[in-house]
Amino acid sequence: MASPHNESPDDGQPPSAEHTYFFYGSLMDPTTFQGVTLAPNPPEYRDAWIEGYQVRMWGPYPALCPVSSAAGASPADAKPSRVVGKVWVDPSRDPYILHRLQRYETANYEPRIVTAHFFDGKSPPAQMRAFVWAGAESLLSDGEFDLKVYQGRSNEPPSP
């Protein structure tokens, strides 16, 4: 029997989108990730990006927002939109991981399926969950998330 934290569960099937996550903010920090998910080991991340989204800020926290084309703008005028982040596959396929992540993300975010592209150039794009902003647009401001800055204050309890 496979350990709950092995890469390949007993059924031998590859992980589905429901067990694969794209993180673009504080959950890229292994300490934060472990504290939220209660995972016994640091996450094994892969570098990736998604298209069609932009990051805005909700206080110190990033908010993934779909890019909408401005009314009357031609597709040629559209700016490419790419958000860089980390992909994590839940090797245990623990159904409570999503609940823990959702509690951390709050009701202002909702899980949606996105397509991530891997920087390794070998792996095909894959579908996975990402937490997308579902709160009021008026709460957001322009800005960028800096993981190193966040890690400098990660000893403070997270409070969005």
C-alpha atoms as a PDB file:
ATOM      1  CA  MET A   1       0.000   0.000   0.000  1.00  0.00           C
ATOM      2  CA  ALA A   2       1.331   3.448  -0.917  1.00  0.00           C
ATOM      3  CA  SER A   3       2.095   5.933   1.800  1.00  0.00           C
ATOM      4  CA  PRO A   4      -0.363   8.851   1.859  1.00  0.00           C
ATOM      5  CA  HIS A   5       2.510  11.140   0.882  1.00  0.00           C
ATOM      6  CA  ASN A   6       3.984   9.194  -2.040  1.00  0.00           C
ATOM      7  CA  GLU A   7       3.841  10.712  -5.497  1.00  0.00           C
ATOM      8  CA  SER A   8       1.797   7.802  -6.895  1.00  0.00           C
ATOM      9  CA  PRO A   9      -1.317   6.688  -5.056  1.00  0.00           C
ATOM     10  CA  ASP A  10      -2.403   3.049  -5.218  1.00  0.00           C
ATOM     11  CA  ASP A  11      -4.656   3.484  -8.257  1.00  0.00           C
ATOM     12  CA  GLY A  12      -1.734   4.462 -10.502  1.00  0.00           C
ATOM     13  CA  GLN A  13      -3.713   7.284 -12.132  1.00  0.00           C
ATOM     14  CA  PRO A  14      -2.076  10.674 -12.705  1.00  0.00           C
ATOM     15  CA  PRO A  15      -3.356  13.423 -10.422  1.00  0.00           C
ATOM     16  CA  SER A  16      -6.419  15.232 -11.673  1.00  0.00           C
ATOM     17  CA  ALA A  17      -6.992  18.978 -11.782  1.00  0.00           C
ATOM     18  CA  GLU A  18      -8.783  18.606  -8.454  1.00  0.00           C
ATOM     19  CA  HIS A  19      -5.522  17.541  -6.789  1.00  0.00           C
ATOM     20  CA  THR A  20      -3.177  19.961  -8.534  1.00  0.00           C
ATOM     21  CA  TYR A  21      -2.861  23.605  -7.545  1.00  0.00           C
ATOM     22  CA  PHE A  22      -1.346  26.787  -8.967  1.00  0.00           C
ATOM     23  CA  PHE A  23      -0.119  29.173  -6.263  1.00  0.00           C
ATOM     24  CA  TYR A  24       0.884  32.780  -7.007  1.00  0.00           C
ATOM     25  CA  GLY A  25       1.128  34.377  -3.573  1.00  0.00           C
ATOM     26  CA  SER A  26       1.737  33.537   0.060  1.00  0.00           C
ATOM     27  CA  LEU A  27       1.223  29.794  -0.519  1.00  0.00           C
ATOM     28  CA  MET A  28       4.439  29.777  -2.565  1.00  0.00           C
ATOM     29  CA  ASP A  29       6.154  30.105   0.808  1.00  0.00           C
ATOM     30  CA  PRO A  30       6.758  26.527   2.083  1.00  0.00           C
ATOM     31  CA  THR A  31       6.286  27.520   5.733  1.00  0.00           C
ATOM     32  CA  THR A  32       2.940  29.173   5.048  1.00  0.00           C
ATOM     33  CA  PHE A  33       1.908  26.227   2.874  1.00  0.00           C
ATOM     34  CA  GLN A  34       2.692  23.703   5.607  1.00  0.00           C
ATOM     35  CA  GLY A  35       0.923  25.764   8.242  1.00  0.00           C
ATOM     36  CA  VAL A  36      -2.235  26.005   6.128  1.00  0.00           C
ATOM     37  CA  THR A  37      -2.384  22.451   4.782  1.00  0.00           C
ATOM     38  CA  LEU A  38      -0.883  20.683   7.820  1.00  0.00           C
ATOM     39  CA  ALA A  39       1.399  18.818   5.403  1.00  0.00           C
ATOM     40  CA  PRO A  40       4.179  16.978   7.253  1.00  0.00           C
ATOM     41  CA  ASN A  41       6.801  17.780   4.590  1.00  0.00           C
ATOM     42  CA  PRO A  42       7.676  20.899   2.611  1.00  0.00           C
ATOM     43  CA  PRO A  43       5.923  21.031  -0.770  1.00  0.00           C
ATOM     44  CA  GLU A  44       7.639  20.020  -3.981  1.00  0.00           C
ATOM     45  CA  TYR A  45       6.852  22.881  -6.344  1.00  0.00           C
ATOM     46  CA  ARG A  46       7.295  23.277 -10.084  1.00  0.00           C
ATOM     47  CA  ASP A  47       7.679  26.673 -11.725  1.00  0.00           C
ATOM     48  CA  ALA A  48       4.863  27.536 -14.118  1.00  0.00           C
ATOM     49  CA  TRP A  49       2.706  30.326 -15.480  1.00  0.00           C
ATOM     50  CA  ILE A  50      -0.897  30.873 -16.492  1.00  0.00           C
ATOM     51  CA  GLU A  51      -2.256  33.200 -19.149  1.00  0.00           C
ATOM     52  CA  GLY A  52      -5.361  35.359 -19.257  1.00  0.00           C
ATOM     53  CA  TYR A  53      -4.988  36.596 -15.677  1.00  0.00           C
ATOM     54  CA  GLN A  54      -3.371  39.465 -13.839  1.00  0.00           C
ATOM     55  CA  VAL A  55      -2.459  40.014 -10.206  1.00  0.00           C
ATOM     56  CA  ARG A  56      -3.953  42.884  -8.247  1.00  0.00           C
ATOM     57  CA  MET A  57      -3.495  43.429  -4.520  1.00  0.00           C
ATOM     58  CA  TRP A  58      -5.877  43.034  -1.599  1.00  0.00           C
ATOM     59  CA  GLY A  59      -3.807  44.737   1.044  1.00  0.00           C
ATOM     60  CA  PRO A  60      -0.572  42.689   1.205  1.00  0.00           C
ATOM     61  CA  TYR A  61      -2.153  39.678  -0.548  1.00  0.00           C
ATOM     62  CA  PRO A  62      -2.318  39.077  -4.284  1.00  0.00           C
ATOM     63  CA  ALA A  63      -5.627  38.534  -6.033  1.00  0.00           C
ATOM     64  CA  LEU A  64      -5.742  36.580  -9.279  1.00  0.00           C
ATOM     65  CA  CYS A  65      -8.142  38.347 -11.641  1.00  0.00           C
ATOM     66  CA  PRO A  66      -9.197  37.395 -15.164  1.00  0.00           C
ATOM     67  CA  VAL A  67      -8.047  39.915 -17.730  1.00  0.00           C
ATOM     68  CA  SER A  68     -11.008  41.427 -19.529  1.00  0.00           C
ATOM     69  CA  SER A  69     -10.470  43.281 -22.737  1.00  0.00           C
ATOM     70  CA  ALA A  70     -11.536  46.898 -22.628  1.00  0.00           C
ATOM     71  CA  ALA A  71     -14.657  47.765 -24.576  1.00  0.00           C
ATOM     72  CA  GLY A  72     -13.766  48.731 -28.098  1.00  0.00           C
ATOM     73  CA  ALA A  73     -10.150  47.557 -27.850  1.00  0.00           C
ATOM     74  CA  SER A  74      -8.930  45.350 -30.655  1.00  0.00           C
ATOM     75  CA  PRO A  75      -7.225  42.018 -29.875  1.00  0.00           C
ATOM     76  CA  ALA A  76      -4.014  43.477 -31.340  1.00  0.00           C
ATOM     77  CA  ASP A  77      -4.051  46.146 -28.602  1.00  0.00           C
ATOM     78  CA  ALA A  78      -4.442  43.599 -25.821  1.00  0.00           C
ATOM     79  CA  LYS A  79      -1.417  43.206 -23.571  1.00  0.00           C
ATOM     80  CA  PRO A  80      -0.208  39.679 -22.965  1.00  0.00           C
ATOM     81  CA  SER A  81      -1.203  38.573 -19.498  1.00  0.00           C
ATOM     82  CA  ARG A  82       0.916  36.044 -17.672  1.00  0.00           C
ATOM     83  CA  VAL A  83       1.064  35.224 -13.981  1.00  0.00           C
ATOM     84  CA  VAL A  84       4.085  33.282 -12.762  1.00  0.00           C
ATOM     85  CA  GLY A  85       3.753  30.935  -9.823  1.00  0.00           C
ATOM     86  CA  LYS A  86       4.260  27.447  -8.441  1.00  0.00           C
ATOM     87  CA  VAL A  87       2.428  24.213  -9.115  1.00  0.00           C
ATOM     88  CA  TRP A  88       1.894  21.672  -6.384  1.00  0.00           C
ATOM     89  CA  VAL A  89       0.411  18.209  -6.807  1.00  0.00           C
ATOM     90  CA  ASP A  90      -1.238  16.767  -3.710  1.00  0.00           C
ATOM     91  CA  PRO A  91       0.341  13.312  -3.646  1.00  0.00           C
ATOM     92  CA  SER A  92      -2.047  12.149  -0.931  1.00  0.00           C
ATOM     93  CA  ARG A  93      -5.186  13.333  -2.757  1.00  0.00           C
ATOM     94  CA  ASP A  94      -6.463  14.355   0.652  1.00  0.00           C
ATOM     95  CA  PRO A  95     -10.030  15.709   0.245  1.00  0.00           C
ATOM     96  CA  TYR A  96      -9.519  18.063   3.200  1.00  0.00           C
ATOM     97  CA  ILE A  97      -6.645  19.952   1.533  1.00  0.00           C
ATOM     98  CA  LEU A  98      -9.102  21.960  -0.572  1.00  0.00           C
ATOM     99  CA  HIS A  99     -11.118  22.842   2.542  1.00  0.00           C
ATOM    100  CA  ARG A 100      -8.006  24.005   4.400  1.00  0.00           C
ATOM    101  CA  LEU A 101      -6.871  26.067   1.422  1.00  0.00           C
ATOM    102  CA  GLN A 102     -10.323  27.604   0.982  1.00  0.00           C
ATOM    103  CA  ARG A 103     -10.499  28.559   4.671  1.00  0.00           C
ATOM    104  CA  TYR A 104      -7.105  30.273   4.350  1.00  0.00           C
ATOM    105  CA  GLU A 105      -8.062  32.048   1.123  1.00  0.00           C
ATOM    106  CA  THR A 106     -11.364  33.302   2.612  1.00  0.00           C
ATOM    107  CA  ALA A 107     -14.668  33.784   0.799  1.00  0.00           C
ATOM    108  CA  ASN A 108     -13.033  36.497  -1.333  1.00  0.00           C
ATOM    109  CA  TYR A 109     -11.389  33.783  -3.432  1.00  0.00           C
ATOM    110  CA  GLU A 110     -12.889  30.804  -5.230  1.00  0.00           C
ATOM    111  CA  PRO A 111     -11.173  27.795  -6.768  1.00  0.00           C
ATOM    112  CA  ARG A 112     -11.299  27.689 -10.554  1.00  0.00           C
ATOM    113  CA  ILE A 113      -9.692  25.437 -13.107  1.00  0.00           C
ATOM    114  CA  VAL A 114      -6.830  27.121 -14.997  1.00  0.00           C
ATOM    115  CA  THR A 115      -4.281  25.847 -17.479  1.00  0.00           C
ATOM    116  CA  ALA A 116      -0.658  26.128 -16.395  1.00  0.00           C
ATOM    117  CA  HIS A 117       2.415  26.012 -18.617  1.00  0.00           C
ATOM    118  CA  PHE A 118       5.654  24.651 -17.194  1.00  0.00           C
ATOM    119  CA  PHE A 119       8.994  26.397 -17.548  1.00  0.00           C
ATOM    120  CA  ASP A 120      10.827  23.088 -17.984  1.00  0.00           C
ATOM    121  CA  GLY A 121       9.720  22.982 -21.628  1.00  0.00           C
ATOM    122  CA  LYS A 122       9.175  19.222 -21.378  1.00  0.00           C
ATOM    123  CA  SER A 123       5.794  18.923 -19.712  1.00  0.00           C
ATOM    124  CA  PRO A 124       2.602  19.738 -21.600  1.00  0.00           C
ATOM    125  CA  PRO A 125       0.236  22.366 -20.194  1.00  0.00           C
ATOM    126  CA  ALA A 126      -1.996  20.977 -17.458  1.00  0.00           C
ATOM    127  CA  GLN A 127      -5.266  21.901 -15.833  1.00  0.00           C
ATOM    128  CA  MET A 128      -5.349  22.609 -12.122  1.00  0.00           C
ATOM    129  CA  ARG A 129      -7.027  24.689  -9.461  1.00  0.00           C
ATOM    130  CA  ALA A 130      -6.130  28.271  -8.660  1.00  0.00           C
ATOM    131  CA  PHE A 131      -7.825  30.597  -6.202  1.00  0.00           C
ATOM    132  CA  VAL A 132      -9.306  33.469  -8.203  1.00  0.00           C
ATOM    133  CA  TRP A 133     -10.588  36.726  -6.725  1.00  0.00           C
ATOM    134  CA  ALA A 134     -14.341  36.622  -6.070  1.00  0.00           C
ATOM    135  CA  GLY A 135     -14.586  39.668  -3.818  1.00  0.00           C
ATOM    136  CA  ALA A 136     -15.510  43.244  -4.600  1.00  0.00           C
ATOM    137  CA  GLU A 137     -13.353  44.898  -7.238  1.00  0.00           C
ATOM    138  CA  SER A 138     -13.306  48.059  -5.087  1.00  0.00           C
ATOM    139  CA  LEU A 139     -11.159  46.229  -2.478  1.00  0.00           C
ATOM    140  CA  LEU A 140      -8.291  45.770  -4.934  1.00  0.00           C
ATOM    141  CA  SER A 141      -5.435  48.046  -5.881  1.00  0.00           C
ATOM    142  CA  ASP A 142      -2.706  47.849  -8.477  1.00  0.00           C
ATOM    143  CA  GLY A 143       0.558  46.361  -7.332  1.00  0.00           C
ATOM    144  CA  GLU A 144       2.724  43.268  -7.320  1.00  0.00           C
ATOM    145  CA  PHE A 145       3.276  40.484  -4.837  1.00  0.00           C
ATOM    146  CA  ASP A 146       6.888  40.026  -3.746  1.00  0.00           C
ATOM    147  CA  LEU A 147       7.481  36.642  -2.110  1.00  0.00           C
ATOM    148  CA  LYS A 148      10.745  37.772  -0.521  1.00  0.00           C
ATOM    149  CA  VAL A 149       9.019  40.736   1.121  1.00  0.00           C
ATOM    150  CA  TYR A 150       6.224  38.444   2.326  1.00  0.00           C
ATOM    151  CA  GLN A 151       8.733  35.960   3.730  1.00  0.00           C
ATOM    152  CA  GLY A 152      10.372  38.782   5.644  1.00  0.00           C
ATOM    153  CA  ARG A 153       7.152  39.244   7.543  1.00  0.00           C
ATOM    154  CA  SER A 154       5.860  35.660   7.462  1.00  0.00           C
ATOM    155  CA  ASN A 155       6.492  35.276  11.205  1.00  0.00           C
ATOM    156  CA  GLU A 156       3.477  37.541  11.627  1.00  0.00           C
ATOM    157  CA  PRO A 157       0.169  35.645  11.681  1.00  0.00           C
ATOM    158  CA  PRO A 158      -1.634  35.936   8.325  1.00  0.00           C
ATOM    159  CA  SER A 159      -4.655  38.204   8.540  1.00  0.00           C
ATOM    160  CA  PRO A 160      -6.061  39.474   5.238  1.00  0.00           C
END
